[in-house]
Amino acid sequence: MSAFPIALIYSDVEASDSMDFNYRSFSDMAGEELQFLTELGEDIQANRPALVFIDAETGLQACPAGFVTYDYLAGSGWLEKYMTDYRFLLTCRGFRAYLLN
């Protein structure tokens, strides 16, 4: 699944690698951002892939400097809400791997 909507949602944010990103929580989200994350979480819960890989490095194409997908999902509460059936396995080549329980 492509996560390109994240780049579109944060396209107006200017940041630097030294900035601590202020990721929005579910309660602060609206419209397309909330819809995207809800659909992503519901897709994982419905299809239950054996492994889920989440990018944990900076440099996500088209996102502001310093943006980290893992931090975004963790900071928003998405991991806590949708990944309850998974446990962290390892980090490999910049991706955090989660294994279905």
PDB file of N, CA and C in Angstrom:
ATOM      1  N   MET A   1       0.846  -1.175   0.000  1.00  0.00           N
ATOM      2  CA  MET A   1       0.000   0.000   0.000  1.00  0.00           C
ATOM      3  C   MET A   1       0.890   1.237   0.000  1.00  0.00           C
ATOM      4  N   SER A   2       0.539   2.185  -0.785  1.00  0.00           N
ATOM      5  CA  SER A   2       1.282   3.437  -0.857  1.00  0.00           C
ATOM      6  C   SER A   2       0.767   4.415   0.187  1.00  0.00           C
ATOM      7  N   ALA A   3       1.669   5.154   0.766  1.00  0.00           N
ATOM      8  CA  ALA A   3       1.273   6.134   1.780  1.00  0.00           C
ATOM      9  C   ALA A   3       1.408   7.555   1.250  1.00  0.00           C
ATOM     10  N   PHE A   4       1.276   7.742  -0.061  1.00  0.00           N
ATOM     11  CA  PHE A   4       1.460   9.079  -0.624  1.00  0.00           C
ATOM     12  C   PHE A   4       0.514  10.124  -0.058  1.00  0.00           C
ATOM     13  N   PRO A   5      -0.701   9.789   0.426  1.00  0.00           N
ATOM     14  CA  PRO A   5      -1.541  10.848   1.011  1.00  0.00           C
ATOM     15  C   PRO A   5      -0.873  11.572   2.176  1.00  0.00           C
ATOM     16  N   ILE A   6       0.028  10.911   2.879  1.00  0.00           N
ATOM     17  CA  ILE A   6       0.722  11.570   3.988  1.00  0.00           C
ATOM     18  C   ILE A   6       1.492  12.778   3.468  1.00  0.00           C
ATOM     19  N   ALA A   7       2.189  12.611   2.358  1.00  0.00           N
ATOM     20  CA  ALA A   7       2.958  13.721   1.785  1.00  0.00           C
ATOM     21  C   ALA A   7       2.039  14.860   1.366  1.00  0.00           C
ATOM     22  N   LEU A   8       0.895  14.543   0.820  1.00  0.00           N
ATOM     23  CA  LEU A   8      -0.045  15.583   0.406  1.00  0.00           C
ATOM     24  C   LEU A   8      -0.599  16.333   1.612  1.00  0.00           C
ATOM     25  N   ILE A   9      -0.900  15.619   2.662  1.00  0.00           N
ATOM     26  CA  ILE A   9      -1.481  16.223   3.861  1.00  0.00           C
ATOM     27  C   ILE A   9      -0.483  17.164   4.546  1.00  0.00           C
ATOM     28  N   TYR A  10       0.794  16.803   4.540  1.00  0.00           N
ATOM     29  CA  TYR A  10       1.822  17.612   5.201  1.00  0.00           C
ATOM     30  C   TYR A  10       2.595  18.494   4.221  1.00  0.00           C
ATOM     31  N   SER A  11       2.078  18.695   3.016  1.00  0.00           N
ATOM     32  CA  SER A  11       2.810  19.447   1.991  1.00  0.00           C
ATOM     33  C   SER A  11       3.041  20.908   2.364  1.00  0.00           C
ATOM     34  N   ASP A  12       2.211  21.472   3.213  1.00  0.00           N
ATOM     35  CA  ASP A  12       2.357  22.887   3.573  1.00  0.00           C
ATOM     36  C   ASP A  12       3.197  23.107   4.830  1.00  0.00           C
ATOM     37  N   VAL A  13       3.725  22.045   5.412  1.00  0.00           N
ATOM     38  CA  VAL A  13       4.526  22.157   6.631  1.00  0.00           C
ATOM     39  C   VAL A  13       5.985  22.359   6.251  1.00  0.00           C
ATOM     40  N   GLU A  14       6.604  23.373   6.824  1.00  0.00           N
ATOM     41  CA  GLU A  14       8.030  23.592   6.618  1.00  0.00           C
ATOM     42  C   GLU A  14       8.750  23.176   7.887  1.00  0.00           C
ATOM     43  N   ALA A  15       9.778  22.375   7.707  1.00  0.00           N
ATOM     44  CA  ALA A  15      10.502  21.862   8.861  1.00  0.00           C
ATOM     45  C   ALA A  15      11.955  21.655   8.477  1.00  0.00           C
ATOM     46  N   SER A  16      12.755  21.319   9.452  1.00  0.00           N
ATOM     47  CA  SER A  16      14.146  20.966   9.201  1.00  0.00           C
ATOM     48  C   SER A  16      14.440  19.676   9.945  1.00  0.00           C
ATOM     49  N   ASP A  17      15.562  19.060   9.612  1.00  0.00           N
ATOM     50  CA  ASP A  17      15.919  17.805  10.274  1.00  0.00           C
ATOM     51  C   ASP A  17      16.084  17.971  11.778  1.00  0.00           C
ATOM     52  N   SER A  18      16.363  19.175  12.228  1.00  0.00           N
ATOM     53  CA  SER A  18      16.573  19.397  13.657  1.00  0.00           C
ATOM     54  C   SER A  18      15.266  19.689  14.397  1.00  0.00           C
ATOM     55  N   MET A  19      14.175  19.847  13.653  1.00  0.00           N
ATOM     56  CA  MET A  19      12.891  20.189  14.278  1.00  0.00           C
ATOM     57  C   MET A  19      12.215  18.949  14.852  1.00  0.00           C
ATOM     58  N   ASP A  20      11.671  19.085  16.034  1.00  0.00           N
ATOM     59  CA  ASP A  20      10.825  18.029  16.567  1.00  0.00           C
ATOM     60  C   ASP A  20       9.460  18.203  15.928  1.00  0.00           C
ATOM     61  N   PHE A  21       9.029  17.203  15.196  1.00  0.00           N
ATOM     62  CA  PHE A  21       7.769  17.295  14.482  1.00  0.00           C
ATOM     63  C   PHE A  21       6.610  17.231  15.459  1.00  0.00           C
ATOM     64  N   ASN A  22       5.606  18.007  15.212  1.00  0.00           N
ATOM     65  CA  ASN A  22       4.409  18.033  16.041  1.00  0.00           C
ATOM     66  C   ASN A  22       3.302  17.316  15.272  1.00  0.00           C
ATOM     67  N   TYR A  23       3.287  15.997  15.363  1.00  0.00           N
ATOM     68  CA  TYR A  23       2.306  15.202  14.628  1.00  0.00           C
ATOM     69  C   TYR A  23       0.930  15.366  15.261  1.00  0.00           C
ATOM     70  N   ARG A  24      -0.081  15.430  14.429  1.00  0.00           N
ATOM     71  CA  ARG A  24      -1.452  15.577  14.922  1.00  0.00           C
ATOM     72  C   ARG A  24      -1.963  14.254  15.502  1.00  0.00           C
ATOM     73  N   SER A  25      -2.774  14.353  16.555  1.00  0.00           N
ATOM     74  CA  SER A  25      -3.437  13.178  17.118  1.00  0.00           C
ATOM     75  C   SER A  25      -4.758  12.983  16.385  1.00  0.00           C
ATOM     76  N   PHE A  26      -5.373  11.825  16.576  1.00  0.00           N
ATOM     77  CA  PHE A  26      -6.661  11.557  15.922  1.00  0.00           C
ATOM     78  C   PHE A  26      -7.677  12.654  16.224  1.00  0.00           C
ATOM     79  N   SER A  27      -7.683  13.147  17.447  1.00  0.00           N
ATOM     80  CA  SER A  27      -8.674  14.163  17.819  1.00  0.00           C
ATOM     81  C   SER A  27      -8.433  15.498  17.113  1.00  0.00           C
ATOM     82  N   ASP A  28      -7.214  15.722  16.628  1.00  0.00           N
ATOM     83  CA  ASP A  28      -6.890  16.968  15.928  1.00  0.00           C
ATOM     84  C   ASP A  28      -6.982  16.848  14.409  1.00  0.00           C
ATOM     85  N   MET A  29      -7.221  15.645  13.917  1.00  0.00           N
ATOM     86  CA  MET A  29      -7.267  15.421  12.470  1.00  0.00           C
ATOM     87  C   MET A  29      -8.647  15.708  11.915  1.00  0.00           C
ATOM     88  N   ALA A  30      -8.654  15.994  10.632  1.00  0.00           N
ATOM     89  CA  ALA A  30      -9.928  16.220   9.952  1.00  0.00           C
ATOM     90  C   ALA A  30      -9.848  15.637   8.548  1.00  0.00           C
ATOM     91  N   GLY A  31     -10.991  15.457   7.951  1.00  0.00           N
ATOM     92  CA  GLY A  31     -11.121  15.121   6.543  1.00  0.00           C
ATOM     93  C   GLY A  31     -10.259  13.997   6.036  1.00  0.00           C
ATOM     94  N   GLU A  32      -9.455  14.332   5.018  1.00  0.00           N
ATOM     95  CA  GLU A  32      -8.692  13.334   4.283  1.00  0.00           C
ATOM     96  C   GLU A  32      -7.660  12.607   5.138  1.00  0.00           C
ATOM     97  N   GLU A  33      -7.033  13.311   6.054  1.00  0.00           N
ATOM     98  CA  GLU A  33      -6.024  12.670   6.899  1.00  0.00           C
ATOM     99  C   GLU A  33      -6.661  11.605   7.780  1.00  0.00           C
ATOM    100  N   LEU A  34      -7.739  11.947   8.429  1.00  0.00           N
ATOM    101  CA  LEU A  34      -8.436  10.991   9.282  1.00  0.00           C
ATOM    102  C   LEU A  34      -8.970   9.824   8.461  1.00  0.00           C
ATOM    103  N   GLN A  35      -9.514  10.109   7.301  1.00  0.00           N
ATOM    104  CA  GLN A  35     -10.041   9.054   6.430  1.00  0.00           C
ATOM    105  C   GLN A  35      -8.931   8.105   5.992  1.00  0.00           C
ATOM    106  N   PHE A  36      -7.797   8.654   5.567  1.00  0.00           N
ATOM    107  CA  PHE A  36      -6.680   7.820   5.126  1.00  0.00           C
ATOM    108  C   PHE A  36      -6.211   6.889   6.237  1.00  0.00           C
ATOM    109  N   LEU A  37      -5.967   7.430   7.429  1.00  0.00           N
ATOM    110  CA  LEU A  37      -5.461   6.605   8.525  1.00  0.00           C
ATOM    111  C   LEU A  37      -6.491   5.585   8.994  1.00  0.00           C
ATOM    112  N   THR A  38      -7.756   5.952   8.972  1.00  0.00           N
ATOM    113  CA  THR A  38      -8.815   5.011   9.345  1.00  0.00           C
ATOM    114  C   THR A  38      -8.875   3.866   8.346  1.00  0.00           C
ATOM    115  N   GLU A  39      -8.853   4.188   7.055  1.00  0.00           N
ATOM    116  CA  GLU A  39      -8.898   3.145   6.027  1.00  0.00           C
ATOM    117  C   GLU A  39      -7.665   2.250   6.089  1.00  0.00           C
ATOM    118  N   LEU A  40      -6.498   2.836   6.328  1.00  0.00           N
ATOM    119  CA  LEU A  40      -5.273   2.056   6.456  1.00  0.00           C
ATOM    120  C   LEU A  40      -5.382   1.079   7.627  1.00  0.00           C
ATOM    121  N   GLY A  41      -5.817   1.566   8.771  1.00  0.00           N
ATOM    122  CA  GLY A  41      -5.957   0.709   9.949  1.00  0.00           C
ATOM    123  C   GLY A  41      -7.000  -0.372   9.764  1.00  0.00           C
ATOM    124  N   GLU A  42      -8.132  -0.021   9.188  1.00  0.00           N
ATOM    125  CA  GLU A  42      -9.194  -1.007   8.962  1.00  0.00           C
ATOM    126  C   GLU A  42      -8.763  -2.065   7.956  1.00  0.00           C
ATOM    127  N   ASP A  43      -7.966  -1.674   6.967  1.00  0.00           N
ATOM    128  CA  ASP A  43      -7.453  -2.629   5.985  1.00  0.00           C
ATOM    129  C   ASP A  43      -6.535  -3.649   6.658  1.00  0.00           C
ATOM    130  N   ILE A  44      -5.663  -3.183   7.533  1.00  0.00           N
ATOM    131  CA  ILE A  44      -4.761  -4.095   8.243  1.00  0.00           C
ATOM    132  C   ILE A  44      -5.554  -5.021   9.160  1.00  0.00           C
ATOM    133  N   GLN A  45      -6.537  -4.486   9.862  1.00  0.00           N
ATOM    134  CA  GLN A  45      -7.342  -5.325  10.752  1.00  0.00           C
ATOM    135  C   GLN A  45      -8.172  -6.347   9.978  1.00  0.00           C
ATOM    136  N   ALA A  46      -8.682  -5.979   8.824  1.00  0.00           N
ATOM    137  CA  ALA A  46      -9.522  -6.890   8.040  1.00  0.00           C
ATOM    138  C   ALA A  46      -8.700  -7.973   7.348  1.00  0.00           C
ATOM    139  N   ASN A  47      -7.543  -7.605   6.801  1.00  0.00           N
ATOM    140  CA  ASN A  47      -6.753  -8.548   6.007  1.00  0.00           C
ATOM    141  C   ASN A  47      -5.674  -9.268   6.800  1.00  0.00           C
ATOM    142  N   ARG A  48      -5.314  -8.737   7.968  1.00  0.00           N
ATOM    143  CA  ARG A  48      -4.390  -9.374   8.893  1.00  0.00           C
ATOM    144  C   ARG A  48      -3.120  -9.930   8.234  1.00  0.00           C
ATOM    145  N   PRO A  49      -2.330  -9.059   7.598  1.00  0.00           N
ATOM    146  CA  PRO A  49      -1.077  -9.559   7.018  1.00  0.00           C
ATOM    147  C   PRO A  49      -0.164 -10.104   8.114  1.00  0.00           C
ATOM    148  N   ALA A  50       0.612 -11.116   7.782  1.00  0.00           N
ATOM    149  CA  ALA A  50       1.496 -11.736   8.768  1.00  0.00           C
ATOM    150  C   ALA A  50       2.567 -10.765   9.257  1.00  0.00           C
ATOM    151  N   LEU A  51       3.040  -9.904   8.371  1.00  0.00           N
ATOM    152  CA  LEU A  51       4.057  -8.913   8.712  1.00  0.00           C
ATOM    153  C   LEU A  51       3.625  -7.540   8.222  1.00  0.00           C
ATOM    154  N   VAL A  52       3.928  -6.529   9.015  1.00  0.00           N
ATOM    155  CA  VAL A  52       3.697  -5.140   8.618  1.00  0.00           C
ATOM    156  C   VAL A  52       5.025  -4.413   8.811  1.00  0.00           C
ATOM    157  N   PHE A  53       5.479  -3.722   7.764  1.00  0.00           N
ATOM    158  CA  PHE A  53       6.715  -2.953   7.819  1.00  0.00           C
ATOM    159  C   PHE A  53       6.382  -1.472   7.791  1.00  0.00           C
ATOM    160  N   ILE A  54       6.972  -0.720   8.712  1.00  0.00           N
ATOM    161  CA  ILE A  54       6.731   0.722   8.794  1.00  0.00           C
ATOM    162  C   ILE A  54       8.069   1.443   8.712  1.00  0.00           C
ATOM    163  N   ASP A  55       8.176   2.358   7.768  1.00  0.00           N
ATOM    164  CA  ASP A  55       9.397   3.138   7.571  1.00  0.00           C
ATOM    165  C   ASP A  55       9.694   3.943   8.835  1.00  0.00           C
ATOM    166  N   ALA A  56      10.915   3.827   9.326  1.00  0.00           N
ATOM    167  CA  ALA A  56      11.294   4.507  10.567  1.00  0.00           C
ATOM    168  C   ALA A  56      12.452   5.477  10.363  1.00  0.00           C
ATOM    169  N   GLU A  57      12.676   5.896   9.117  1.00  0.00           N
ATOM    170  CA  GLU A  57      13.761   6.826   8.833  1.00  0.00           C
ATOM    171  C   GLU A  57      13.218   8.113   8.232  1.00  0.00           C
ATOM    172  N   THR A  58      14.019   9.162   8.300  1.00  0.00           N
ATOM    173  CA  THR A  58      13.652  10.414   7.643  1.00  0.00           C
ATOM    174  C   THR A  58      13.916  10.276   6.150  1.00  0.00           C
ATOM    175  N   GLY A  59      13.440  11.249   5.397  1.00  0.00           N
ATOM    176  CA  GLY A  59      13.698  11.249   3.964  1.00  0.00           C
ATOM    177  C   GLY A  59      12.565  10.676   3.144  1.00  0.00           C
ATOM    178  N   LEU A  60      11.376  10.604   3.711  1.00  0.00           N
ATOM    179  CA  LEU A  60      10.221  10.115   2.967  1.00  0.00           C
ATOM    180  C   LEU A  60       9.944  11.079   1.825  1.00  0.00           C
ATOM    181  N   GLN A  61       9.888  10.548   0.630  1.00  0.00           N
ATOM    182  CA  GLN A  61       9.732  11.385  -0.560  1.00  0.00           C
ATOM    183  C   GLN A  61       8.532  12.315  -0.445  1.00  0.00           C
ATOM    184  N   ALA A  62       8.758  13.582  -0.726  1.00  0.00           N
ATOM    185  CA  ALA A  62       7.742  14.644  -0.769  1.00  0.00           C
ATOM    186  C   ALA A  62       7.254  15.096   0.605  1.00  0.00           C
ATOM    187  N   CYS A  63       7.762  14.511   1.677  1.00  0.00           N
ATOM    188  CA  CYS A  63       7.385  14.960   3.020  1.00  0.00           C
ATOM    189  C   CYS A  63       8.400  15.991   3.506  1.00  0.00           C
ATOM    190  N   PRO A  64       8.007  16.816   4.470  1.00  0.00           N
ATOM    191  CA  PRO A  64       8.939  17.813   5.005  1.00  0.00           C
ATOM    192  C   PRO A  64      10.163  17.146   5.632  1.00  0.00           C
ATOM    193  N   ALA A  65      11.260  17.861   5.647  1.00  0.00           N
ATOM    194  CA  ALA A  65      12.470  17.359   6.297  1.00  0.00           C
ATOM    195  C   ALA A  65      12.153  17.001   7.740  1.00  0.00           C
ATOM    196  N   GLY A  66      12.688  15.894   8.198  1.00  0.00           N
ATOM    197  CA  GLY A  66      12.484  15.473   9.576  1.00  0.00           C
ATOM    198  C   GLY A  66      11.253  14.623   9.812  1.00  0.00           C
ATOM    199  N   PHE A  67      10.397  14.467   8.799  1.00  0.00           N
ATOM    200  CA  PHE A  67       9.179  13.677   8.948  1.00  0.00           C
ATOM    201  C   PHE A  67       9.540  12.195   8.954  1.00  0.00           C
ATOM    202  N   VAL A  68       8.999  11.447   9.915  1.00  0.00           N
ATOM    203  CA  VAL A  68       9.246  10.009  10.027  1.00  0.00           C
ATOM    204  C   VAL A  68       7.893   9.305  10.118  1.00  0.00           C
ATOM    205  N   THR A  69       7.642   8.394   9.198  1.00  0.00           N
ATOM    206  CA  THR A  69       6.342   7.719   9.151  1.00  0.00           C
ATOM    207  C   THR A  69       6.027   7.011  10.463  1.00  0.00           C
ATOM    208  N   TYR A  70       7.003   6.280  11.020  1.00  0.00           N
ATOM    209  CA  TYR A  70       6.752   5.579  12.279  1.00  0.00           C
ATOM    210  C   TYR A  70       6.361   6.560  13.382  1.00  0.00           C
ATOM    211  N   ASP A  71       7.090   7.658  13.500  1.00  0.00           N
ATOM    212  CA  ASP A  71       6.781   8.654  14.534  1.00  0.00           C
ATOM    213  C   ASP A  71       5.387   9.241  14.326  1.00  0.00           C
ATOM    214  N   TYR A  72       5.029   9.447  13.073  1.00  0.00           N
ATOM    215  CA  TYR A  72       3.697   9.967  12.735  1.00  0.00           C
ATOM    216  C   TYR A  72       2.609   8.998  13.194  1.00  0.00           C
ATOM    217  N   LEU A  73       2.765   7.716  12.861  1.00  0.00           N
ATOM    218  CA  LEU A  73       1.752   6.725  13.238  1.00  0.00           C
ATOM    219  C   LEU A  73       1.709   6.520  14.753  1.00  0.00           C
ATOM    220  N   ALA A  74       2.871   6.513  15.392  1.00  0.00           N
ATOM    221  CA  ALA A  74       2.910   6.351  16.850  1.00  0.00           C
ATOM    222  C   ALA A  74       2.364   7.592  17.543  1.00  0.00           C
ATOM    223  N   GLY A  75       2.784   8.761  17.091  1.00  0.00           N
ATOM    224  CA  GLY A  75       2.368  10.008  17.719  1.00  0.00           C
ATOM    225  C   GLY A  75       0.892  10.315  17.574  1.00  0.00           C
ATOM    226  N   SER A  76       0.304   9.844  16.496  1.00  0.00           N
ATOM    227  CA  SER A  76      -1.120  10.105  16.259  1.00  0.00           C
ATOM    228  C   SER A  76      -2.018   9.162  17.055  1.00  0.00           C
ATOM    229  N   GLY A  77      -1.452   8.079  17.566  1.00  0.00           N
ATOM    230  CA  GLY A  77      -2.249   7.073  18.258  1.00  0.00           C
ATOM    231  C   GLY A  77      -2.673   5.932  17.353  1.00  0.00           C
ATOM    232  N   TRP A  78      -2.248   5.973  16.085  1.00  0.00           N
ATOM    233  CA  TRP A  78      -2.646   4.960  15.110  1.00  0.00           C
ATOM    234  C   TRP A  78      -2.131   3.579  15.497  1.00  0.00           C
ATOM    235  N   LEU A  79      -0.863   3.477  15.888  1.00  0.00           N
ATOM    236  CA  LEU A  79      -0.307   2.170  16.261  1.00  0.00           C
ATOM    237  C   LEU A  79      -1.086   1.562  17.419  1.00  0.00           C
ATOM    238  N   GLU A  80      -1.351   2.360  18.406  1.00  0.00           N
ATOM    239  CA  GLU A  80      -2.079   1.890  19.589  1.00  0.00           C
ATOM    240  C   GLU A  80      -3.494   1.440  19.233  1.00  0.00           C
ATOM    241  N   LYS A  81      -4.106   2.116  18.290  1.00  0.00           N
ATOM    242  CA  LYS A  81      -5.491   1.822  17.922  1.00  0.00           C
ATOM    243  C   LYS A  81      -5.615   0.627  16.979  1.00  0.00           C
ATOM    244  N   TYR A  82      -4.717   0.528  15.992  1.00  0.00           N
ATOM    245  CA  TYR A  82      -4.901  -0.463  14.932  1.00  0.00           C
ATOM    246  C   TYR A  82      -3.921  -1.630  14.939  1.00  0.00           C
ATOM    247  N   MET A  83      -2.870  -1.561  15.721  1.00  0.00           N
ATOM    248  CA  MET A  83      -1.868  -2.625  15.685  1.00  0.00           C
ATOM    249  C   MET A  83      -1.875  -3.470  16.958  1.00  0.00           C
ATOM    250  N   THR A  84      -3.014  -3.596  17.594  1.00  0.00           N
ATOM    251  CA  THR A  84      -3.105  -4.343  18.851  1.00  0.00           C
ATOM    252  C   THR A  84      -2.852  -5.838  18.664  1.00  0.00           C
ATOM    253  N   ASP A  85      -3.057  -6.355  17.465  1.00  0.00           N
ATOM    254  CA  ASP A  85      -2.833  -7.780  17.207  1.00  0.00           C
ATOM    255  C   ASP A  85      -1.413  -8.072  16.732  1.00  0.00           C
ATOM    256  N   TYR A  86      -0.545  -7.078  16.810  1.00  0.00           N
ATOM    257  CA  TYR A  86       0.827  -7.224  16.327  1.00  0.00           C
ATOM    258  C   TYR A  86       1.812  -6.921  17.440  1.00  0.00           C
ATOM    259  N   ARG A  87       2.979  -7.535  17.318  1.00  0.00           N
ATOM    260  CA  ARG A  87       4.055  -7.221  18.257  1.00  0.00           C
ATOM    261  C   ARG A  87       5.288  -6.824  17.454  1.00  0.00           C
ATOM    262  N   PHE A  88       6.043  -5.884  18.011  1.00  0.00           N
ATOM    263  CA  PHE A  88       7.270  -5.438  17.361  1.00  0.00           C
ATOM    264  C   PHE A  88       8.237  -6.600  17.276  1.00  0.00           C
ATOM    265  N   LEU A  89       8.819  -6.800  16.106  1.00  0.00           N
ATOM    266  CA  LEU A  89       9.738  -7.911  15.892  1.00  0.00           C
ATOM    267  C   LEU A  89      11.188  -7.422  15.830  1.00  0.00           C
ATOM    268  N   LEU A  90      11.477  -6.508  14.910  1.00  0.00           N
ATOM    269  CA  LEU A  90      12.834  -6.013  14.732  1.00  0.00           C
ATOM    270  C   LEU A  90      12.833  -4.802  13.807  1.00  0.00           C
ATOM    271  N   THR A  91      13.986  -4.135  13.771  1.00  0.00           N
ATOM    272  CA  THR A  91      14.197  -3.061  12.805  1.00  0.00           C
ATOM    273  C   THR A  91      15.226  -3.557  11.805  1.00  0.00           C
ATOM    274  N   CYS A  92      14.908  -3.418  10.523  1.00  0.00           N
ATOM    275  CA  CYS A  92      15.794  -3.891   9.467  1.00  0.00           C
ATOM    276  C   CYS A  92      15.802  -2.884   8.325  1.00  0.00           C
ATOM    277  N   ARG A  93      16.981  -2.393   8.004  1.00  0.00           N
ATOM    278  CA  ARG A  93      17.156  -1.447   6.893  1.00  0.00           C
ATOM    279  C   ARG A  93      16.217  -0.251   6.983  1.00  0.00           C
ATOM    280  N   GLY A  94      16.017   0.221   8.191  1.00  0.00           N
ATOM    281  CA  GLY A  94      15.213   1.415   8.404  1.00  0.00           C
ATOM    282  C   GLY A  94      13.724   1.177   8.554  1.00  0.00           C
ATOM    283  N   PHE A  95      13.300  -0.073   8.530  1.00  0.00           N
ATOM    284  CA  PHE A  95      11.884  -0.395   8.694  1.00  0.00           C
ATOM    285  C   PHE A  95      11.671  -1.157   9.992  1.00  0.00           C
ATOM    286  N   ARG A  96      10.625  -0.788  10.707  1.00  0.00           N
ATOM    287  CA  ARG A  96      10.216  -1.540  11.898  1.00  0.00           C
ATOM    288  C   ARG A  96       9.251  -2.626  11.433  1.00  0.00           C
ATOM    289  N   ALA A  97       9.540  -3.854  11.804  1.00  0.00           N
ATOM    290  CA  ALA A  97       8.713  -4.991  11.399  1.00  0.00           C
ATOM    291  C   ALA A  97       7.840  -5.423  12.565  1.00  0.00           C
ATOM    292  N   TYR A  98       6.570  -5.650  12.268  1.00  0.00           N
ATOM    293  CA  TYR A  98       5.597  -6.112  13.255  1.00  0.00           C
ATOM    294  C   TYR A  98       5.037  -7.447  12.802  1.00  0.00           C
ATOM    295  N   LEU A  99       4.967  -8.387  13.739  1.00  0.00           N
ATOM    296  CA  LEU A  99       4.499  -9.739  13.470  1.00  0.00           C
ATOM    297  C   LEU A  99       3.113  -9.930  14.068  1.00  0.00           C
ATOM    298  N   LEU A 100       2.229 -10.530  13.288  1.00  0.00           N
ATOM    299  CA  LEU A 100       0.884 -10.836  13.767  1.00  0.00           C
ATOM    300  C   LEU A 100       0.980 -11.842  14.902  1.00  0.00           C
ATOM    301  N   ASN A 101       0.293 -11.595  16.007  1.00  0.00           N
ATOM    302  CA  ASN A 101       0.308 -12.516  17.156  1.00  0.00           C
ATOM    303  C   ASN A 101      -0.372 -13.822  16.814  1.00  0.00           C
TER     304      ASN A 101
END
